């Protein structure tokens, strides 16, 4: 990770916070290697119960983001969700995705209906590729084993 980027993580278990930081660092190196001004605040909590989401990314302003990640996930899904939300950080940082409420712009085209949004399609497509590359690089074992590990890992 390049100096200048900051990550502040709260909630969850210590092992989860460390893993999320490691995954985010990996994603920045993969998706935004020249960025040095990212400020990302991450909260690990029970977001599936509270908001019916496993993760969400809010673009606060400039290169500042708030990411919420459900802490009740197993290790594999925690990595996958973190990668998914980091794709959204990439989209906002590169101005591919812009929100000017009530409208949302994707490459300057307005989207306001309930269709499957292209930025979500990209995040769903990229999350698995990033997660599997991270898992392989970190030598964390097979996907099957990771899916069975406890959320504290």
C-alpha atoms as a PDB file:
ATOM      1  CA  UNK A   1       0.000   0.000   0.000  1.00  0.00           C
ATOM      2  CA  UNK A   2       1.210   3.451  -0.812  1.00  0.00           C
ATOM      3  CA  UNK A   3       1.874   5.871   2.013  1.00  0.00           C
ATOM      4  CA  UNK A   4      -0.811   8.489   2.400  1.00  0.00           C
ATOM      5  CA  UNK A   5      -3.803   6.151   2.219  1.00  0.00           C
ATOM      6  CA  UNK A   6      -5.496   5.740   5.580  1.00  0.00           C
ATOM      7  CA  UNK A   7      -7.751   2.980   6.862  1.00  0.00           C
ATOM      8  CA  UNK A   8      -9.589   3.152  10.183  1.00  0.00           C
ATOM      9  CA  UNK A   9     -11.352  -0.057  11.178  1.00  0.00           C
ATOM     10  CA  UNK A  10     -13.712  -0.492  14.112  1.00  0.00           C
ATOM     11  CA  UNK A  11     -15.847  -3.362  15.386  1.00  0.00           C
ATOM     12  CA  UNK A  12     -15.552  -7.074  14.802  1.00  0.00           C
ATOM     13  CA  UNK A  13     -12.787  -9.264  16.133  1.00  0.00           C
ATOM     14  CA  UNK A  14      -9.113  -8.303  16.015  1.00  0.00           C
ATOM     15  CA  UNK A  15      -8.445 -11.046  13.425  1.00  0.00           C
ATOM     16  CA  UNK A  16     -11.260  -9.714  11.241  1.00  0.00           C
ATOM     17  CA  UNK A  17      -9.942  -6.156  11.426  1.00  0.00           C
ATOM     18  CA  UNK A  18      -6.454  -7.334  10.480  1.00  0.00           C
ATOM     19  CA  UNK A  19      -7.778  -9.448   7.591  1.00  0.00           C
ATOM     20  CA  UNK A  20      -9.980  -6.640   6.235  1.00  0.00           C
ATOM     21  CA  UNK A  21      -7.028  -4.230   6.358  1.00  0.00           C
ATOM     22  CA  UNK A  22      -4.857  -6.757   4.514  1.00  0.00           C
ATOM     23  CA  UNK A  23      -7.532  -7.348   1.843  1.00  0.00           C
ATOM     24  CA  UNK A  24      -8.090  -3.612   1.382  1.00  0.00           C
ATOM     25  CA  UNK A  25      -4.373  -2.998   1.015  1.00  0.00           C
ATOM     26  CA  UNK A  26      -4.248  -5.748  -1.612  1.00  0.00           C
ATOM     27  CA  UNK A  27      -7.243  -4.245  -3.457  1.00  0.00           C
ATOM     28  CA  UNK A  28      -5.753  -0.750  -3.488  1.00  0.00           C
ATOM     29  CA  UNK A  29      -2.535  -2.177  -4.954  1.00  0.00           C
ATOM     30  CA  UNK A  30      -4.567  -4.058  -7.592  1.00  0.00           C
ATOM     31  CA  UNK A  31      -7.211  -1.458  -8.440  1.00  0.00           C
ATOM     32  CA  UNK A  32      -5.748   1.938  -7.530  1.00  0.00           C
ATOM     33  CA  UNK A  33      -1.956   1.537  -7.428  1.00  0.00           C
ATOM     34  CA  UNK A  34      -1.198   5.242  -7.923  1.00  0.00           C
ATOM     35  CA  UNK A  35      -3.675   6.542  -5.345  1.00  0.00           C
ATOM     36  CA  UNK A  36      -2.177   7.991  -2.181  1.00  0.00           C
ATOM     37  CA  UNK A  37      -5.036  10.031  -0.774  1.00  0.00           C
ATOM     38  CA  UNK A  38      -7.699   7.456   0.089  1.00  0.00           C
ATOM     39  CA  UNK A  39      -9.342   7.835   3.499  1.00  0.00           C
ATOM     40  CA  UNK A  40     -11.473   4.808   4.257  1.00  0.00           C
ATOM     41  CA  UNK A  41     -13.426   4.304   7.458  1.00  0.00           C
ATOM     42  CA  UNK A  42     -14.578   0.726   7.953  1.00  0.00           C
ATOM     43  CA  UNK A  43     -17.070  -0.573  10.472  1.00  0.00           C
ATOM     44  CA  UNK A  44     -17.505  -4.280  11.102  1.00  0.00           C
ATOM     45  CA  UNK A  45     -20.883  -5.042  12.639  1.00  0.00           C
ATOM     46  CA  UNK A  46     -24.162  -6.889  12.323  1.00  0.00           C
ATOM     47  CA  UNK A  47     -25.275  -5.144   9.124  1.00  0.00           C
ATOM     48  CA  UNK A  48     -27.233  -8.073   7.759  1.00  0.00           C
ATOM     49  CA  UNK A  49     -29.595  -7.847  10.733  1.00  0.00           C
ATOM     50  CA  UNK A  50     -29.639  -4.023  10.898  1.00  0.00           C
ATOM     51  CA  UNK A  51     -29.764  -3.073   7.218  1.00  0.00           C
ATOM     52  CA  UNK A  52     -30.136  -6.357   5.319  1.00  0.00           C
ATOM     53  CA  UNK A  53     -26.706  -5.972   3.658  1.00  0.00           C
ATOM     54  CA  UNK A  54     -23.447  -7.896   3.849  1.00  0.00           C
ATOM     55  CA  UNK A  55     -21.525  -4.777   2.897  1.00  0.00           C
ATOM     56  CA  UNK A  56     -22.002  -1.253   1.623  1.00  0.00           C
ATOM     57  CA  UNK A  57     -19.829   1.597   0.453  1.00  0.00           C
ATOM     58  CA  UNK A  58     -20.712   5.242   0.922  1.00  0.00           C
ATOM     59  CA  UNK A  59     -18.779   7.904  -0.969  1.00  0.00           C
ATOM     60  CA  UNK A  60     -18.488  10.678   1.601  1.00  0.00           C
ATOM     61  CA  UNK A  61     -16.556  13.256  -0.428  1.00  0.00           C
ATOM     62  CA  UNK A  62     -13.443  13.339  -2.623  1.00  0.00           C
ATOM     63  CA  UNK A  63     -11.434  10.222  -1.765  1.00  0.00           C
ATOM     64  CA  UNK A  64     -13.171   9.659   1.580  1.00  0.00           C
ATOM     65  CA  UNK A  65     -15.336   6.565   2.024  1.00  0.00           C
ATOM     66  CA  UNK A  66     -17.360   4.783   4.694  1.00  0.00           C
ATOM     67  CA  UNK A  67     -17.554   1.009   4.290  1.00  0.00           C
ATOM     68  CA  UNK A  68     -19.754  -1.213   6.430  1.00  0.00           C
ATOM     69  CA  UNK A  69     -19.093  -4.952   6.426  1.00  0.00           C
ATOM     70  CA  UNK A  70     -21.129  -7.609   8.180  1.00  0.00           C
ATOM     71  CA  UNK A  71     -18.945  -9.287  10.803  1.00  0.00           C
ATOM     72  CA  UNK A  72     -21.067 -12.449  11.015  1.00  0.00           C
ATOM     73  CA  UNK A  73     -19.693 -13.822   7.721  1.00  0.00           C
ATOM     74  CA  UNK A  74     -17.220 -16.677   7.451  1.00  0.00           C
ATOM     75  CA  UNK A  75     -13.668 -15.818   6.392  1.00  0.00           C
ATOM     76  CA  UNK A  76     -14.231 -16.494   2.692  1.00  0.00           C
ATOM     77  CA  UNK A  77     -17.308 -14.256   2.507  1.00  0.00           C
ATOM     78  CA  UNK A  78     -15.590 -11.554   4.558  1.00  0.00           C
ATOM     79  CA  UNK A  79     -12.795 -11.456   1.971  1.00  0.00           C
ATOM     80  CA  UNK A  80     -15.300 -11.554  -0.913  1.00  0.00           C
ATOM     81  CA  UNK A  81     -17.428  -8.738   0.527  1.00  0.00           C
ATOM     82  CA  UNK A  82     -14.372  -6.586   1.229  1.00  0.00           C
ATOM     83  CA  UNK A  83     -13.228  -7.017  -2.381  1.00  0.00           C
ATOM     84  CA  UNK A  84     -16.725  -6.120  -3.627  1.00  0.00           C
ATOM     85  CA  UNK A  85     -16.800  -2.883  -1.635  1.00  0.00           C
ATOM     86  CA  UNK A  86     -13.280  -1.981  -2.755  1.00  0.00           C
ATOM     87  CA  UNK A  87     -14.445  -2.209  -6.378  1.00  0.00           C
ATOM     88  CA  UNK A  88     -16.953   0.520  -5.469  1.00  0.00           C
ATOM     89  CA  UNK A  89     -14.111   2.589  -3.974  1.00  0.00           C
ATOM     90  CA  UNK A  90     -12.332   2.230  -7.316  1.00  0.00           C
ATOM     91  CA  UNK A  91     -15.457   3.272  -9.210  1.00  0.00           C
ATOM     92  CA  UNK A  92     -16.000   6.393  -7.112  1.00  0.00           C
ATOM     93  CA  UNK A  93     -12.296   7.331  -7.018  1.00  0.00           C
ATOM     94  CA  UNK A  94     -11.977   7.133 -10.790  1.00  0.00           C
ATOM     95  CA  UNK A  95     -15.287   8.983 -11.179  1.00  0.00           C
ATOM     96  CA  UNK A  96     -16.829   6.069 -13.070  1.00  0.00           C
ATOM     97  CA  UNK A  97     -19.665   6.173 -10.538  1.00  0.00           C
ATOM     98  CA  UNK A  98     -21.095   9.458  -9.280  1.00  0.00           C
ATOM     99  CA  UNK A  99     -24.061  10.110  -7.050  1.00  0.00           C
ATOM    100  CA  UNK A 100     -25.869  13.387  -7.390  1.00  0.00           C
ATOM    101  CA  UNK A 101     -29.044  12.588  -5.482  1.00  0.00           C
ATOM    102  CA  UNK A 102     -31.584  11.599  -6.587  1.00  0.00           C
ATOM    103  CA  UNK A 103     -29.709  10.444  -9.668  1.00  0.00           C
ATOM    104  CA  UNK A 104     -26.747   8.136 -10.046  1.00  0.00           C
ATOM    105  CA  UNK A 105     -24.323   8.431 -12.958  1.00  0.00           C
ATOM    106  CA  UNK A 106     -22.295   5.550 -14.392  1.00  0.00           C
ATOM    107  CA  UNK A 107     -19.771   6.852 -16.926  1.00  0.00           C
ATOM    108  CA  UNK A 108     -21.962   9.993 -17.073  1.00  0.00           C
ATOM    109  CA  UNK A 109     -25.122   8.052 -17.999  1.00  0.00           C
ATOM    110  CA  UNK A 110     -28.011   8.510 -15.569  1.00  0.00           C
ATOM    111  CA  UNK A 111     -29.576   5.524 -13.802  1.00  0.00           C
ATOM    112  CA  UNK A 112     -32.625   5.951 -11.620  1.00  0.00           C
ATOM    113  CA  UNK A 113     -34.792   2.871 -12.093  1.00  0.00           C
ATOM    114  CA  UNK A 114     -34.657  -0.512 -10.367  1.00  0.00           C
ATOM    115  CA  UNK A 115     -32.637  -2.409 -12.966  1.00  0.00           C
ATOM    116  CA  UNK A 116     -29.524  -4.346 -12.073  1.00  0.00           C
ATOM    117  CA  UNK A 117     -27.048  -1.521 -12.041  1.00  0.00           C
ATOM    118  CA  UNK A 118     -23.856  -1.830 -14.111  1.00  0.00           C
ATOM    119  CA  UNK A 119     -21.610  -0.759 -11.203  1.00  0.00           C
ATOM    120  CA  UNK A 120     -22.993  -3.633  -9.150  1.00  0.00           C
ATOM    121  CA  UNK A 121     -22.501  -6.044 -12.046  1.00  0.00           C
ATOM    122  CA  UNK A 122     -18.863  -4.967 -12.276  1.00  0.00           C
ATOM    123  CA  UNK A 123     -18.383  -5.345  -8.511  1.00  0.00           C
ATOM    124  CA  UNK A 124     -19.987  -8.818  -8.518  1.00  0.00           C
ATOM    125  CA  UNK A 125     -17.784  -9.862 -11.428  1.00  0.00           C
ATOM    126  CA  UNK A 126     -14.540  -8.501  -9.971  1.00  0.00           C
ATOM    127  CA  UNK A 127     -15.042  -9.578  -6.335  1.00  0.00           C
ATOM    128  CA  UNK A 128     -14.403 -13.258  -6.985  1.00  0.00           C
ATOM    129  CA  UNK A 129     -11.353 -12.638  -9.177  1.00  0.00           C
ATOM    130  CA  UNK A 130      -9.821 -10.312  -6.569  1.00  0.00           C
ATOM    131  CA  UNK A 131     -10.697 -12.575  -3.640  1.00  0.00           C
ATOM    132  CA  UNK A 132      -9.271 -15.686  -5.258  1.00  0.00           C
ATOM    133  CA  UNK A 133      -6.087 -13.864  -6.277  1.00  0.00           C
ATOM    134  CA  UNK A 134      -5.709 -12.585  -2.711  1.00  0.00           C
ATOM    135  CA  UNK A 135      -6.336 -16.040  -1.226  1.00  0.00           C
ATOM    136  CA  UNK A 136      -3.824 -17.634  -3.579  1.00  0.00           C
ATOM    137  CA  UNK A 137      -1.209 -14.921  -2.950  1.00  0.00           C
ATOM    138  CA  UNK A 138      -1.609 -15.245   0.829  1.00  0.00           C
ATOM    139  CA  UNK A 139      -1.576 -19.066   0.655  1.00  0.00           C
ATOM    140  CA  UNK A 140      -4.693 -19.267   2.819  1.00  0.00           C
ATOM    141  CA  UNK A 141      -5.690 -22.715   1.565  1.00  0.00           C
ATOM    142  CA  UNK A 142      -8.487 -23.930  -0.642  1.00  0.00           C
ATOM    143  CA  UNK A 143     -11.751 -22.068  -1.118  1.00  0.00           C
ATOM    144  CA  UNK A 144     -13.624 -25.042   0.369  1.00  0.00           C
ATOM    145  CA  UNK A 145     -11.544 -24.876   3.553  1.00  0.00           C
ATOM    146  CA  UNK A 146     -11.902 -21.094   3.797  1.00  0.00           C
ATOM    147  CA  UNK A 147     -15.678 -21.297   3.488  1.00  0.00           C
ATOM    148  CA  UNK A 148     -15.754 -23.584   6.527  1.00  0.00           C
ATOM    149  CA  UNK A 149     -13.543 -21.437   8.787  1.00  0.00           C
ATOM    150  CA  UNK A 150     -14.955 -19.516  11.732  1.00  0.00           C
ATOM    151  CA  UNK A 151     -15.562 -15.778  11.397  1.00  0.00           C
ATOM    152  CA  UNK A 152     -12.850 -15.045  14.005  1.00  0.00           C
ATOM    153  CA  UNK A 153     -10.062 -16.310  11.713  1.00  0.00           C
END
